[in-house]
């Protein structure tokens, strides 16, 4: 499953490079940048380089924090604090879909630089976001079914196999109730965590590249300065949400490292791609508006589905939160704080 995700992400990055390189301006009216004093290419480049370094560091910190939480008893997955922090991060992911990605897509696909027919005659953003949510549900459901059937006997957390082998060697035998992989509810839940981590990673990679591309192609220093701070905040806490899912999936070190790597480098990769294409890529050209607008819509549908169904709903309707009204209230407050904080960021990003 890990190798499949890596292939999907690699294919996506190649396609994004091909499509954006073709997004040259196609109309004189929309190709020119504003003559504002904020447009300064030589001053914008150092800011973009600072953005690459700072976003890379904050992304790594955010996604790695939950992975090191096992050494801190209060932050282990079975503790209340972990649930509250995960709820906060889920609120950020939800607000990212509703307050950042979806409005951007509406703006792009309703741009006056696009022809009246069909772009102003039909709400493509809502339609594509809806399809994306349905497709995400299909992937979520089918992937769970396939891997459940593939592991009918249950699954073992990757890394636990070696521990059991060592115990078997030491004792010479294994009693029946210790032998074999996890079965039943516990194994099924672990499988769900793995599917959720994979799908969420894919959705985050899509919109992270698009965000980075827009920043890299822009020479507006007045926009880039607040955007750097907003993206650092965004990447850190979104990374915490993803890191919590990766931790619960109990992968081997290599798979964890690959997922951390892809999350951390996608926004900087988008910025580098935007810088490389800044001479030919015009954010107001019809090709760029359509390509990025549709990508944003599909990413929004995926993120909203994942936040509501696989993160918030799964936790709030689970036995741990259902067993404690006090913990539910704390978690709801955390969700609202995360969503509110990310919504405020919409003023700058």
Protein backbone atom coordinates (compact mmCIF):
# COMPACT_ATOMS: atom_id res chain seq x y z
CA UNK A 1 0.00 0.00 0.00
CA UNK A 2 2.88 2.37 0.77
CA UNK A 3 4.48 1.78 -2.63
CA UNK A 4 1.14 2.47 -4.36
CA UNK A 5 0.89 5.85 -2.64
CA UNK A 6 4.46 6.74 -3.63
CA UNK A 7 3.67 5.88 -7.28
CA UNK A 8 0.49 8.00 -7.19
CA UNK A 9 2.31 10.99 -5.69
CA UNK A 10 5.16 10.68 -8.21
CA UNK A 11 2.71 10.51 -11.15
CA UNK A 12 0.86 13.55 -9.80
CA UNK A 13 4.06 15.60 -9.46
CA UNK A 14 5.04 14.73 -13.05
CA UNK A 15 1.58 15.66 -14.38
CA UNK A 16 1.53 18.95 -12.47
CA UNK A 17 4.92 19.83 -13.97
CA UNK A 18 3.69 19.06 -17.51
CA UNK A 19 0.39 20.93 -17.22
CA UNK A 20 1.77 24.01 -15.49
CA UNK A 21 4.60 24.31 -18.04
CA UNK A 22 1.89 24.61 -20.69
CA UNK A 23 -0.01 27.25 -18.74
CA UNK A 24 1.41 30.13 -20.73
CA UNK A 25 -0.72 33.20 -21.15
CA UNK A 26 -3.29 33.09 -23.93
CA UNK A 27 -4.79 36.60 -23.78
CA UNK A 28 -3.28 40.06 -23.68
CA UNK A 29 -5.97 41.30 -21.30
CA UNK A 30 -5.19 38.85 -18.52
CA UNK A 31 -1.50 38.07 -18.96
CA UNK A 32 0.01 41.27 -17.63
CA UNK A 33 0.88 41.58 -13.98
CA UNK A 34 -0.20 44.60 -11.99
CA UNK A 35 2.05 47.63 -12.19
CA UNK A 36 1.85 47.99 -8.41
CA UNK A 37 5.02 48.93 -6.54
CA UNK A 38 4.68 45.58 -4.74
CA UNK A 39 5.65 43.72 -7.94
CA UNK A 40 9.41 43.39 -7.68
CA UNK A 41 10.99 40.23 -9.04
CA UNK A 42 14.47 40.80 -7.54
CA UNK A 43 13.01 41.51 -4.09
CA UNK A 44 10.57 38.58 -4.31
CA UNK A 45 13.22 35.91 -4.98
CA UNK A 46 14.95 36.14 -1.54
CA UNK A 47 11.51 35.98 0.11
CA UNK A 48 10.72 32.81 -1.84
CA UNK A 49 14.01 31.22 -0.78
CA UNK A 50 13.25 32.09 2.85
CA UNK A 51 9.78 30.58 2.35
CA UNK A 52 11.25 27.32 1.00
CA UNK A 53 13.52 26.89 4.03
CA UNK A 54 11.00 27.97 6.68
CA UNK A 55 8.09 25.95 5.25
CA UNK A 56 10.31 22.87 4.92
CA UNK A 57 11.42 23.13 8.56
CA UNK A 58 7.95 23.83 9.99
CA UNK A 59 6.42 21.03 7.89
CA UNK A 60 8.96 18.55 9.23
CA UNK A 61 8.43 19.72 12.82
CA UNK A 62 4.65 19.50 12.52
CA UNK A 63 4.48 16.03 10.98
CA UNK A 64 7.26 14.60 13.17
CA UNK A 65 5.94 15.83 16.54
CA UNK A 66 3.24 13.14 16.85
CA UNK A 67 5.70 10.45 15.72
CA UNK A 68 7.95 11.21 18.70
CA UNK A 69 5.04 11.43 21.13
CA UNK A 70 5.49 7.81 22.26
CA UNK A 71 8.43 8.99 24.34
CA UNK A 72 6.07 11.46 26.07
CA UNK A 73 3.45 9.46 28.02
CA UNK A 74 0.90 12.33 27.99
CA UNK A 75 0.92 12.40 24.15
CA UNK A 76 0.59 8.66 23.47
CA UNK A 77 -2.40 7.78 21.20
CA UNK A 78 -4.42 6.27 24.05
CA UNK A 79 -4.28 9.46 26.17
CA UNK A 80 -6.86 12.26 26.20
CA UNK A 81 -4.35 14.95 25.26
CA UNK A 82 -3.56 13.17 21.98
CA UNK A 83 -7.27 13.08 21.10
CA UNK A 84 -7.63 16.81 21.83
CA UNK A 85 -4.53 17.76 19.78
CA UNK A 86 -5.75 15.58 16.90
CA UNK A 87 -9.16 17.30 17.05
CA UNK A 88 -7.42 20.69 16.84
CA UNK A 89 -5.42 19.55 13.78
CA UNK A 90 -8.58 18.09 12.19
CA UNK A 91 -10.27 21.49 12.58
CA UNK A 92 -7.36 23.05 10.69
CA UNK A 93 -7.69 20.51 7.85
CA UNK A 94 -11.45 21.15 7.66
CA UNK A 95 -10.95 24.93 7.53
CA UNK A 96 -8.27 24.48 4.87
CA UNK A 97 -10.84 22.84 2.60
CA UNK A 98 -13.71 25.25 3.29
CA UNK A 99 -11.90 28.57 3.83
CA UNK A 100 -8.82 28.37 1.60
CA UNK A 101 -8.94 25.80 -1.18
CA UNK A 102 -12.65 25.95 -2.09
CA UNK A 103 -12.92 29.79 -2.28
CA UNK A 104 -9.71 29.91 -4.36
CA UNK A 105 -11.26 27.48 -6.82
CA UNK A 106 -14.47 29.55 -7.06
CA UNK A 107 -12.43 32.70 -7.74
CA UNK A 108 -10.37 31.02 -10.46
CA UNK A 109 -13.19 29.28 -12.31
CA UNK A 110 -15.39 32.42 -12.21
CA UNK A 111 -12.57 34.68 -13.36
CA UNK A 112 -13.42 37.26 -16.06
CA UNK A 113 -10.36 35.93 -17.91
CA UNK A 114 -12.34 32.76 -18.71
CA UNK A 115 -15.01 32.63 -21.39
CA UNK A 116 -18.63 33.09 -20.37
CA UNK A 117 -19.57 29.71 -21.80
CA UNK A 118 -19.18 27.23 -20.12
CA UNK A 119 -17.26 28.54 -17.07
CA UNK A 120 -19.75 31.20 -15.97
CA UNK A 121 -22.80 29.10 -16.85
CA UNK A 122 -22.18 26.16 -14.50
CA UNK A 123 -20.76 25.88 -10.92
CA UNK A 124 -17.80 23.67 -11.81
CA UNK A 125 -16.12 24.16 -8.42
CA UNK A 126 -19.03 22.72 -6.44
CA UNK A 127 -19.54 19.94 -8.99
CA UNK A 128 -15.89 18.84 -8.99
CA UNK A 129 -15.65 19.09 -5.17
CA UNK A 130 -18.76 16.90 -4.87
CA UNK A 131 -17.34 14.33 -7.32
CA UNK A 132 -14.02 14.39 -5.46
CA UNK A 133 -15.77 13.64 -2.14
CA UNK A 134 -17.68 10.74 -3.76
CA UNK A 135 -14.52 9.36 -5.37
CA UNK A 136 -12.70 9.65 -2.03
CA UNK A 137 -15.52 7.68 -0.40
CA UNK A 138 -15.20 5.03 -3.13
CA UNK A 139 -11.41 4.80 -2.68
CA UNK A 140 -11.82 4.71 1.10
CA UNK A 141 -14.43 1.96 0.96
CA UNK A 142 -12.89 -0.18 -1.80
CA UNK A 143 -9.36 0.07 -0.36
CA UNK A 144 -10.65 -1.02 3.04
CA UNK A 145 -12.53 -3.97 1.50
CA UNK A 146 -9.56 -5.07 -0.62
CA UNK A 147 -7.07 -4.97 2.21
CA UNK A 148 -9.52 -6.59 4.63
CA UNK A 149 -10.00 -9.50 2.21
CA UNK A 150 -6.26 -9.66 1.62
CA UNK A 151 -5.65 -9.90 5.35
CA UNK A 152 -8.60 -12.06 6.39
CA UNK A 153 -6.59 -13.51 9.24
CA UNK A 154 -5.94 -9.99 10.56
CA UNK A 155 -2.94 -7.68 10.48
CA UNK A 156 0.02 -7.04 12.72
CA UNK A 157 1.42 -3.56 13.29
CA UNK A 158 4.60 -3.36 11.21
CA UNK A 159 7.42 -3.64 13.68
CA UNK A 160 5.53 -5.93 16.07
CA UNK A 161 6.46 -8.97 13.98
CA UNK A 162 10.08 -8.83 15.09
CA UNK A 163 9.04 -8.56 18.74
CA UNK A 164 6.82 -11.63 18.50
CA UNK A 165 9.56 -13.57 16.71
CA UNK A 166 11.98 -12.77 19.51
CA UNK A 167 9.48 -13.95 22.11
CA UNK A 168 8.87 -17.14 20.14
CA UNK A 169 12.61 -17.85 19.97
CA UNK A 170 13.06 -17.23 23.67
CA UNK A 171 10.15 -19.39 24.79
CA UNK A 172 10.50 -22.07 22.17
CA UNK A 173 6.79 -22.01 21.43
CA UNK A 174 3.79 -19.71 21.32
CA UNK A 175 0.50 -20.48 23.02
CA UNK A 176 -2.63 -20.35 20.86
CA UNK A 177 -3.93 -17.08 22.25
CA UNK A 178 -0.61 -15.34 21.42
CA UNK A 179 -0.08 -16.85 17.97
CA UNK A 180 -0.85 -15.13 14.68
CA UNK A 181 -1.83 -11.63 13.67
CA UNK A 182 -4.38 -9.31 15.20
CA UNK A 183 -7.94 -10.21 14.37
CA UNK A 184 -11.34 -8.70 14.83
CA UNK A 185 -12.02 -5.12 15.86
CA UNK A 186 -8.45 -4.16 16.73
CA UNK A 187 -7.00 -5.35 13.42
CA UNK A 188 -9.84 -3.77 11.46
CA UNK A 189 -9.29 -0.44 13.20
CA UNK A 190 -5.57 -0.53 12.42
CA UNK A 191 -6.40 -1.17 8.77
CA UNK A 192 -8.73 1.84 8.74
CA UNK A 193 -5.96 4.02 10.19
CA UNK A 194 -3.66 2.96 7.35
CA UNK A 195 -6.20 3.71 4.62
CA UNK A 196 -6.99 7.10 6.19
CA UNK A 197 -3.29 8.02 6.44
CA UNK A 198 -2.69 7.16 2.78
CA UNK A 199 -5.72 9.01 1.37
CA UNK A 200 -5.14 12.07 3.58
CA UNK A 201 -1.49 12.24 2.51
CA UNK A 202 -2.52 12.20 -1.17
CA UNK A 203 -5.05 15.01 -0.69
CA UNK A 204 -2.59 17.18 1.23
CA UNK A 205 0.11 16.68 -1.43
CA UNK A 206 -2.26 17.91 -4.17
CA UNK A 207 -3.13 21.21 -2.56
CA UNK A 208 0.38 21.75 -1.12
CA UNK A 209 1.94 21.73 -4.60
CA UNK A 210 -0.74 24.12 -5.89
CA UNK A 211 -0.16 26.53 -2.97
CA UNK A 212 3.61 26.45 -3.54
CA UNK A 213 3.21 26.94 -7.30
CA UNK A 214 1.13 30.08 -6.80
CA UNK A 215 3.68 31.56 -4.40
CA UNK A 216 6.65 30.66 -6.62
CA UNK A 217 5.09 32.25 -9.71
CA UNK A 218 4.13 35.47 -7.91
CA UNK A 219 6.43 38.51 -7.72
CA UNK A 220 4.15 40.46 -5.39
CA UNK A 221 6.21 41.07 -2.23
CA UNK A 222 3.18 42.51 -0.39
CA UNK A 223 1.43 39.15 -0.84
CA UNK A 224 4.41 36.85 -0.25
CA UNK A 225 5.46 38.28 3.15
CA UNK A 226 2.24 37.48 5.07
CA UNK A 227 1.79 34.30 3.02
CA UNK A 228 5.05 32.83 4.36
CA UNK A 229 3.91 33.17 7.98
CA UNK A 230 0.43 31.86 7.17
CA UNK A 231 1.80 28.82 5.30
CA UNK A 232 4.23 27.99 8.13
CA UNK A 233 1.31 27.96 10.59
CA UNK A 234 -0.80 25.98 8.12
CA UNK A 235 1.86 23.36 7.35
CA UNK A 236 2.84 22.83 10.98
CA UNK A 237 -0.65 22.09 12.28
CA UNK A 238 -1.81 20.26 9.16
CA UNK A 239 1.33 18.15 9.57
CA UNK A 240 0.32 17.40 13.16
CA UNK A 241 -2.99 16.03 11.91
CA UNK A 242 -1.28 13.86 9.30
CA UNK A 243 1.43 12.80 11.75
CA UNK A 244 -1.22 11.62 14.21
CA UNK A 245 -2.77 9.44 11.48
CA UNK A 246 0.65 8.03 10.50
CA UNK A 247 1.37 7.24 14.16
CA UNK A 248 -1.93 5.40 14.58
CA UNK A 249 -1.26 3.42 11.38
CA UNK A 250 1.84 1.89 13.07
CA UNK A 251 4.03 1.70 9.96
CA UNK A 252 7.65 0.64 9.77
CA UNK A 253 10.26 3.37 9.97
CA UNK A 254 10.85 3.46 6.19
CA UNK A 255 7.18 4.07 5.33
CA UNK A 256 6.90 6.71 8.02
CA UNK A 257 10.02 8.43 6.69
CA UNK A 258 8.69 8.41 3.10
CA UNK A 259 5.34 9.89 4.14
CA UNK A 260 7.09 12.58 6.21
CA UNK A 261 9.39 13.34 3.26
CA UNK A 262 6.60 13.76 0.71
CA UNK A 263 4.54 15.96 3.03
CA UNK A 264 7.53 18.15 3.90
CA UNK A 265 8.87 18.73 0.38
CA UNK A 266 5.68 19.20 -1.68
CA UNK A 267 5.09 22.89 -0.87
CA UNK A 268 8.80 23.80 -1.34
CA UNK A 269 8.72 21.76 -4.57
CA UNK A 270 5.73 23.81 -5.73
CA UNK A 271 7.57 27.06 -4.94
CA UNK A 272 10.66 25.92 -6.88
CA UNK A 273 8.44 24.88 -9.80
CA UNK A 274 6.71 28.27 -9.71
CA UNK A 275 10.07 30.10 -9.72
CA UNK A 276 11.27 27.99 -12.67
CA UNK A 277 8.09 28.70 -14.64
CA UNK A 278 7.64 32.33 -13.56
CA UNK A 279 8.54 33.62 -17.04
CA UNK A 280 5.96 31.49 -18.84
CA UNK A 281 3.43 30.70 -16.09
CA UNK A 282 0.80 33.44 -15.79
CA UNK A 283 -1.65 32.88 -12.97
CA UNK A 284 -4.39 34.76 -14.86
CA UNK A 285 -4.05 32.84 -18.12
CA UNK A 286 -7.07 30.64 -18.98
CA UNK A 287 -5.03 27.42 -18.93
CA UNK A 288 -3.57 28.17 -15.50
CA UNK A 289 -6.92 29.26 -14.05
CA UNK A 290 -8.69 26.13 -15.27
CA UNK A 291 -5.91 23.70 -14.28
CA UNK A 292 -5.31 25.10 -10.80
CA UNK A 293 -9.01 25.81 -10.22
CA UNK A 294 -10.04 22.22 -10.95
CA UNK A 295 -7.15 20.85 -8.85
CA UNK A 296 -8.21 23.07 -5.95
CA UNK A 297 -11.83 21.94 -6.24
CA UNK A 298 -10.87 18.26 -6.21
CA UNK A 299 -8.50 18.82 -3.30
CA UNK A 300 -11.19 20.69 -1.34
CA UNK A 301 -13.69 17.85 -1.74
CA UNK A 302 -11.11 15.32 -0.59
CA UNK A 303 -9.97 17.35 2.44
CA UNK A 304 -13.51 18.15 3.58
CA UNK A 305 -14.52 14.49 3.31
CA UNK A 306 -11.43 13.29 5.15
CA UNK A 307 -11.76 15.87 7.94
CA UNK A 308 -15.47 15.25 8.57
CA UNK A 309 -15.74 11.51 7.97
CA UNK A 310 -12.40 9.83 8.63
CA UNK A 311 -11.02 12.16 11.31
CA UNK A 312 -13.74 14.01 13.26
CA UNK A 313 -16.65 11.60 12.84
CA UNK A 314 -14.48 8.52 13.46
CA UNK A 315 -13.16 9.98 16.72
CA UNK A 316 -16.31 11.64 18.06
CA UNK A 317 -18.46 8.56 17.40
CA UNK A 318 -15.75 6.21 18.72
CA UNK A 319 -15.91 4.52 22.14
CA UNK A 320 -13.33 6.79 23.81
CA UNK A 321 -15.16 10.08 23.22
CA UNK A 322 -18.61 8.54 23.54
CA UNK A 323 -17.62 7.40 27.01
CA UNK A 324 -16.80 10.90 28.25
CA UNK A 325 -18.92 14.02 27.74
CA UNK A 326 -16.17 16.12 29.33
CA UNK A 327 -13.61 14.89 26.78
CA UNK A 328 -16.11 15.50 23.96
CA UNK A 329 -16.56 19.14 25.03
CA UNK A 330 -12.78 19.67 25.22
CA UNK A 331 -12.38 18.12 21.77
CA UNK A 332 -15.15 20.28 20.28
CA UNK A 333 -13.45 23.37 21.69
CA UNK A 334 -10.18 22.18 20.11
CA UNK A 335 -11.89 21.69 16.72
CA UNK A 336 -13.40 25.18 16.86
CA UNK A 337 -10.07 26.73 17.86
CA UNK A 338 -8.24 24.96 15.01
CA UNK A 339 -10.92 25.86 12.45
CA UNK A 340 -11.10 29.48 13.70
CA UNK A 341 -7.34 29.94 13.61
CA UNK A 342 -7.10 28.59 10.09
CA UNK A 343 -10.06 30.69 9.00
CA UNK A 344 -8.31 33.84 10.24
CA UNK A 345 -5.33 32.88 8.07
CA UNK A 346 -7.63 33.24 5.03
CA UNK A 347 -7.17 37.01 5.43
CA UNK A 348 -3.53 36.65 4.32
CA UNK A 349 -3.40 33.33 2.45
